[in-house]
Amino acid sequence: MPRRLAHFSDPRLDAQVEELIKHSNATRDAADRHAARRDNPHNVTAAQVGAVSKAGDTMTGELRLAGRSINISRPDNTGGWARGVYQYSKDGATREAGIGFLGSGDNPAHTLYMGFGSTPWTDSSGFTVKSDNPYFKGNKVWHAGNDGAGSGLDADMLDGYHASYFQPASDERLKTDIQPLADALSKVLSLRGVSFVWNNKAREVSANRQTMAGREIGLLAGEVAQVVPEVVLDWVETPDGVTYKTVDSARLVALLVEAIKELNAKVEVLQARVAALEGSTP
């Protein structure tokens, strides 16, 4: 409140000053009360003062928040719902990406999402995190907490199949035109076992395997293909268009079995000859 610093000798001047002070106090009180109102008595619009409407509006430029968080309340309904922050095309007509969360009814959110397209909240649109596991485009993401039996991500599973699935089938009910292997022993004798060291290219395509000796032993796919092409397969095609070969050792077992049988037959003939010679000796 304004305070009188002096009084005039003329009582009429004192009365006028007192009246002015009262009027000033009343004006100030009225202004304070008006400023405290929230009912917008003059119907001032957001556009008139350059403000963004709380009921929905468009703003340009950068929005900076000095507070700690943005609070978004879930809706009051019984169906499914999505809430988030979305990116739209320049004309505002097309939703292009979004980050947010999904829920259902009056319950806490059950999925966090980050995706692309007009429906970024769908599993196929990007990355989602649910209560049981993270997913990328609907595929479960491996992490240390979900490894093991029953997870669907066991280390011995590939594309949903156990490792034994990738062994060559051997059931005779799946085969036709079954023929015995001929000249197995001569074919085995034509093969050449070698020792070797992997070169730099082998390391580039992850073919090298380090042994305790520092050297490897094996067969050369090119040589084997000249003798037993049935056991030589394409191993990998590199980005430069080169296809490298491998020898399927499991398929070689059949050849070795028949080779041993042929060799055994030769041994038996020799044994019979030796026995006959020993029997004829006086």
Protein backbone atom coordinates (compact mmCIF):
# COMPACT_ATOMS: atom_id res chain seq x y z
CA MET A 1 0.00 0.00 0.00
CA PRO A 2 1.34 3.53 -0.81
CA ARG A 3 2.51 5.33 2.33
CA ARG A 4 2.08 9.06 3.10
CA LEU A 5 5.38 10.77 3.53
CA ALA A 6 3.96 14.18 4.52
CA HIS A 7 0.71 16.02 5.16
CA PHE A 8 -0.47 19.23 3.58
CA SER A 9 -1.57 22.21 5.65
CA ASP A 10 -4.76 22.33 3.62
CA PRO A 11 -7.13 19.57 4.80
CA ARG A 12 -8.73 19.46 1.34
CA LEU A 13 -5.45 18.43 -0.28
CA ASP A 14 -4.97 15.72 2.34
CA ALA A 15 -8.43 14.33 1.57
CA GLN A 16 -7.72 14.26 -2.17
CA VAL A 17 -4.43 12.43 -1.64
CA GLU A 18 -6.12 9.86 0.60
CA GLU A 19 -8.77 9.29 -2.06
CA LEU A 20 -6.12 8.76 -4.71
CA ILE A 21 -4.33 6.22 -2.51
CA LYS A 22 -7.56 4.27 -1.94
CA HIS A 23 -8.29 4.27 -5.67
CA SER A 24 -4.76 3.05 -6.45
CA ASN A 25 -5.09 0.21 -3.93
CA ALA A 26 -8.44 -0.81 -5.33
CA THR A 27 -7.12 -0.81 -8.90
CA ARG A 28 -4.15 -2.93 -7.89
CA ASP A 29 -6.35 -5.47 -6.07
CA ALA A 30 -8.70 -5.72 -9.04
CA ALA A 31 -5.77 -6.30 -11.39
CA ASP A 32 -4.41 -9.05 -9.14
CA ARG A 33 -7.77 -10.77 -8.99
CA HIS A 34 -8.14 -10.56 -12.76
CA ALA A 35 -4.67 -11.97 -13.37
CA ALA A 36 -5.43 -14.90 -11.09
CA ARG A 37 -8.51 -15.95 -13.09
CA ARG A 38 -8.38 -19.08 -15.27
CA ASP A 39 -11.73 -18.75 -17.03
CA ASN A 40 -10.43 -16.50 -19.87
CA PRO A 41 -13.12 -13.82 -19.39
CA HIS A 42 -12.09 -11.97 -22.58
CA ASN A 43 -12.10 -15.14 -24.74
CA VAL A 44 -8.49 -14.67 -25.84
CA THR A 45 -7.50 -17.41 -28.28
CA ALA A 46 -4.19 -19.28 -28.38
CA ALA A 47 -3.55 -17.92 -31.85
CA GLN A 48 -3.92 -14.33 -30.61
CA VAL A 49 -1.10 -14.77 -28.12
CA GLY A 50 0.99 -17.26 -30.17
CA ALA A 51 0.34 -20.19 -27.83
CA VAL A 52 -0.25 -23.86 -28.69
CA SER A 53 -3.76 -25.10 -27.99
CA LYS A 54 -4.06 -27.80 -25.33
CA ALA A 55 -6.76 -29.54 -27.38
CA GLY A 56 -4.42 -30.22 -30.29
CA ASP A 57 -2.37 -27.94 -32.48
CA THR A 58 0.67 -27.73 -34.75
CA MET A 59 3.89 -26.00 -33.89
CA THR A 60 7.10 -25.48 -35.82
CA GLY A 61 10.69 -25.28 -34.68
CA GLU A 62 12.33 -27.08 -31.79
CA LEU A 63 10.54 -27.93 -28.56
CA ARG A 64 12.74 -28.00 -25.48
CA LEU A 65 11.58 -29.19 -22.08
CA ALA A 66 13.48 -28.22 -18.97
CA GLY A 67 11.42 -30.59 -16.83
CA ARG A 68 12.18 -34.20 -16.03
CA SER A 69 9.55 -36.01 -18.08
CA ILE A 70 6.56 -35.99 -20.42
CA ASN A 71 3.54 -37.57 -18.75
CA ILE A 72 1.00 -39.33 -21.00
CA SER A 73 -2.07 -40.84 -19.35
CA ARG A 74 -3.60 -44.00 -20.76
CA PRO A 75 -7.15 -43.62 -22.15
CA ASP A 76 -10.35 -44.52 -20.35
CA ASN A 77 -11.69 -47.29 -22.57
CA THR A 78 -12.13 -51.06 -22.69
CA GLY A 79 -10.36 -51.84 -25.98
CA GLY A 80 -6.80 -51.78 -27.15
CA TRP A 81 -4.93 -48.50 -27.35
CA ALA A 82 -1.64 -47.00 -28.53
CA ARG A 83 0.15 -43.93 -27.25
CA GLY A 84 3.39 -42.46 -28.50
CA VAL A 85 5.35 -39.88 -30.43
CA TYR A 86 5.06 -40.07 -34.22
CA GLN A 87 6.84 -38.66 -37.25
CA TYR A 88 4.68 -37.58 -40.19
CA SER A 89 5.39 -36.69 -43.79
CA LYS A 90 6.08 -33.06 -44.62
CA ASP A 91 2.44 -32.42 -45.53
CA GLY A 92 1.26 -34.12 -42.35
CA ALA A 93 -0.83 -36.66 -44.25
CA THR A 94 1.20 -39.84 -43.68
CA ARG A 95 2.56 -41.36 -40.49
CA GLU A 96 6.11 -42.60 -41.15
CA ALA A 97 7.52 -43.81 -37.81
CA GLY A 98 6.80 -43.82 -34.10
CA ILE A 99 7.90 -44.65 -30.60
CA GLY A 100 5.44 -45.45 -27.83
CA PHE A 101 3.56 -48.13 -25.98
CA LEU A 102 0.48 -50.35 -26.29
CA GLY A 103 -2.12 -51.39 -23.79
CA SER A 104 -5.63 -52.75 -23.42
CA GLY A 105 -8.49 -51.44 -21.35
CA ASP A 106 -7.78 -49.82 -18.00
CA ASN A 107 -4.48 -51.67 -17.59
CA PRO A 108 -0.81 -50.66 -17.68
CA ALA A 109 0.98 -50.80 -21.03
CA HIS A 110 2.07 -54.29 -22.05
CA THR A 111 4.31 -53.45 -25.04
CA LEU A 112 6.91 -50.82 -25.87
CA TYR A 113 7.46 -50.24 -29.56
CA MET A 114 9.76 -48.46 -32.00
CA GLY A 115 8.83 -48.94 -35.62
CA PHE A 116 8.34 -47.56 -39.10
CA GLY A 117 5.37 -47.01 -41.38
CA SER A 118 1.77 -45.98 -40.79
CA THR A 119 1.35 -48.51 -37.95
CA PRO A 120 4.70 -48.49 -36.12
CA TRP A 121 3.17 -50.31 -33.15
CA THR A 122 2.70 -53.60 -35.04
CA ASP A 123 5.18 -56.45 -34.46
CA SER A 124 6.27 -56.50 -38.10
CA SER A 125 7.14 -52.78 -38.18
CA GLY A 126 10.25 -52.81 -36.03
CA PHE A 127 11.40 -53.39 -32.47
CA THR A 128 9.03 -54.29 -29.63
CA VAL A 129 9.61 -55.11 -25.98
CA LYS A 130 7.04 -57.23 -24.19
CA SER A 131 6.95 -58.56 -20.66
CA ASP A 132 8.51 -61.87 -21.69
CA ASN A 133 11.10 -60.85 -24.28
CA PRO A 134 12.29 -58.28 -26.84
CA TYR A 135 11.35 -58.90 -30.48
CA PHE A 136 12.55 -57.59 -33.85
CA LYS A 137 9.92 -57.77 -36.59
CA GLY A 138 8.13 -60.50 -34.68
CA ASN A 139 11.26 -62.60 -34.09
CA LYS A 140 12.39 -63.27 -30.55
CA VAL A 141 15.74 -61.68 -29.72
CA TRP A 142 18.31 -63.83 -27.92
CA HIS A 143 19.79 -62.61 -24.66
CA ALA A 144 21.53 -64.24 -21.71
CA GLY A 145 18.27 -64.46 -19.77
CA ASN A 146 16.29 -66.53 -22.28
CA ASP A 147 18.83 -69.15 -23.32
CA GLY A 148 18.16 -72.79 -22.60
CA ALA A 149 15.61 -75.53 -23.19
CA GLY A 150 12.09 -74.36 -23.98
CA SER A 151 13.12 -70.90 -25.07
CA GLY A 152 12.93 -71.70 -28.77
CA LEU A 153 16.44 -70.26 -29.05
CA ASP A 154 18.54 -73.25 -28.01
CA ALA A 155 22.04 -73.32 -29.44
CA ASP A 156 21.33 -76.68 -31.10
CA MET A 157 18.38 -75.27 -33.05
CA LEU A 158 18.60 -73.67 -36.49
CA ASP A 159 15.49 -72.34 -38.21
CA GLY A 160 13.46 -74.30 -35.67
CA TYR A 161 15.18 -77.63 -36.37
CA HIS A 162 17.42 -79.68 -34.13
CA ALA A 163 21.00 -80.19 -35.32
CA SER A 164 20.27 -83.87 -36.07
CA TYR A 165 17.82 -82.70 -38.76
CA PHE A 166 20.73 -81.62 -40.93
CA GLN A 167 22.33 -85.09 -41.04
CA PRO A 168 21.81 -86.86 -44.40
CA ALA A 169 18.69 -89.02 -44.33
CA SER A 170 19.45 -92.75 -44.48
CA ASP A 171 16.03 -94.42 -44.37
CA GLU A 172 15.67 -96.84 -47.26
CA ARG A 173 12.02 -95.85 -47.60
CA LEU A 174 13.26 -92.52 -48.97
CA LYS A 175 15.54 -94.05 -51.62
CA THR A 176 15.17 -95.64 -55.02
CA ASP A 177 17.46 -97.18 -57.66
CA ILE A 178 19.71 -98.57 -54.93
CA GLN A 179 22.97 -99.95 -56.39
CA PRO A 180 26.06 -101.47 -54.72
CA LEU A 181 29.31 -99.52 -54.85
CA ALA A 182 31.77 -100.99 -57.32
CA ASP A 183 35.55 -100.69 -57.30
CA ALA A 184 35.46 -99.12 -53.84
CA LEU A 185 39.01 -100.25 -52.99
CA SER A 186 40.54 -98.82 -56.13
CA LYS A 187 38.77 -95.53 -55.54
CA VAL A 188 40.06 -95.34 -51.96
CA LEU A 189 43.56 -96.10 -53.19
CA SER A 190 43.22 -93.23 -55.66
CA LEU A 191 42.55 -90.71 -52.89
CA ARG A 192 45.40 -88.74 -51.36
CA GLY A 193 45.52 -87.72 -47.72
CA VAL A 194 47.57 -84.58 -47.10
CA SER A 195 48.68 -82.28 -44.32
CA PHE A 196 48.49 -78.53 -44.80
CA VAL A 197 48.29 -75.04 -43.29
CA TRP A 198 45.30 -72.78 -43.95
CA ASN A 199 46.10 -69.69 -46.03
CA ASN A 200 44.86 -66.11 -45.63
CA LYS A 201 41.83 -66.69 -47.85
CA ALA A 202 40.72 -69.53 -45.60
CA ARG A 203 40.81 -67.14 -42.65
CA GLU A 204 38.78 -64.58 -44.60
CA VAL A 205 35.97 -67.08 -45.23
CA SER A 206 36.25 -68.68 -41.75
CA ALA A 207 37.36 -72.06 -43.11
CA ASN A 208 40.42 -72.35 -40.90
CA ARG A 209 40.37 -74.48 -37.76
CA GLN A 210 43.34 -74.37 -35.43
CA THR A 211 44.64 -77.74 -34.22
CA MET A 212 47.05 -78.51 -31.43
CA ALA A 213 49.73 -79.35 -34.00
CA GLY A 214 49.24 -76.12 -35.90
CA ARG A 215 48.67 -78.10 -39.10
CA GLU A 216 45.60 -79.77 -40.56
CA ILE A 217 45.13 -83.10 -42.30
CA GLY A 218 42.48 -83.94 -44.82
CA LEU A 219 41.57 -84.40 -48.44
CA LEU A 220 41.57 -81.97 -51.36
CA ALA A 221 38.03 -81.48 -52.68
CA GLY A 222 39.22 -81.02 -56.25
CA GLU A 223 41.07 -84.34 -56.25
CA VAL A 224 38.24 -86.18 -54.53
CA ALA A 225 35.77 -84.86 -57.12
CA GLN A 226 37.79 -86.64 -59.83
CA VAL A 227 37.32 -89.98 -58.05
CA VAL A 228 34.13 -89.77 -55.96
CA PRO A 229 32.14 -86.69 -57.04
CA GLU A 230 29.18 -87.89 -54.95
CA VAL A 231 30.88 -86.72 -51.74
CA VAL A 232 31.93 -83.23 -52.90
CA LEU A 233 29.52 -80.38 -52.15
CA ASP A 234 29.43 -76.61 -52.49
CA TRP A 235 30.52 -75.15 -49.15
CA VAL A 236 30.23 -71.37 -49.45
CA GLU A 237 29.98 -68.68 -52.10
CA THR A 238 31.93 -65.54 -51.23
CA PRO A 239 30.88 -61.97 -52.16
CA ASP A 240 33.35 -62.03 -55.06
CA GLY A 241 31.35 -64.85 -56.66
CA VAL A 242 33.77 -67.71 -55.94
CA THR A 243 32.26 -71.00 -54.72
CA TYR A 244 34.45 -73.12 -52.44
CA LYS A 245 33.99 -76.87 -52.09
CA THR A 246 33.91 -79.29 -49.18
CA VAL A 247 34.14 -83.07 -48.79
CA ASP A 248 31.30 -84.72 -46.89
CA SER A 249 33.23 -87.19 -44.73
CA ALA A 250 30.02 -88.93 -43.65
CA ARG A 251 29.32 -89.96 -47.23
CA LEU A 252 32.85 -91.36 -47.53
CA VAL A 253 31.99 -93.96 -44.88
CA ALA A 254 29.99 -96.00 -47.37
CA LEU A 255 32.95 -96.10 -49.75
CA LEU A 256 35.32 -97.10 -46.95
CA VAL A 257 32.99 -99.88 -45.81
CA GLU A 258 32.89 -101.42 -49.26
CA ALA A 259 36.64 -100.93 -49.71
CA ILE A 260 37.32 -102.84 -46.49
CA LYS A 261 35.04 -105.64 -47.65
CA GLU A 262 36.85 -105.85 -50.99
CA LEU A 263 40.22 -105.85 -49.22
CA ASN A 264 39.00 -108.52 -46.81
CA ALA A 265 37.92 -110.70 -49.73
CA LYS A 266 41.43 -110.41 -51.17
CA VAL A 267 42.93 -111.30 -47.81
CA GLU A 268 40.71 -114.35 -47.52
CA VAL A 269 41.82 -115.55 -50.97
CA LEU A 270 45.46 -115.11 -49.99
CA GLN A 271 44.90 -116.91 -46.70
CA ALA A 272 43.30 -119.81 -48.52
CA ARG A 273 46.26 -120.03 -50.89
CA VAL A 274 48.72 -119.94 -48.01
CA ALA A 275 46.77 -122.67 -46.20
CA ALA A 276 46.75 -124.81 -49.36
CA LEU A 277 50.48 -124.40 -49.84
CA GLU A 278 51.19 -125.26 -46.21
CA GLY A 279 48.98 -128.31 -46.47
CA SER A 280 50.81 -129.65 -49.50
CA THR A 281 54.20 -129.33 -47.86
CA PRO A 282 55.56 -132.77 -46.69
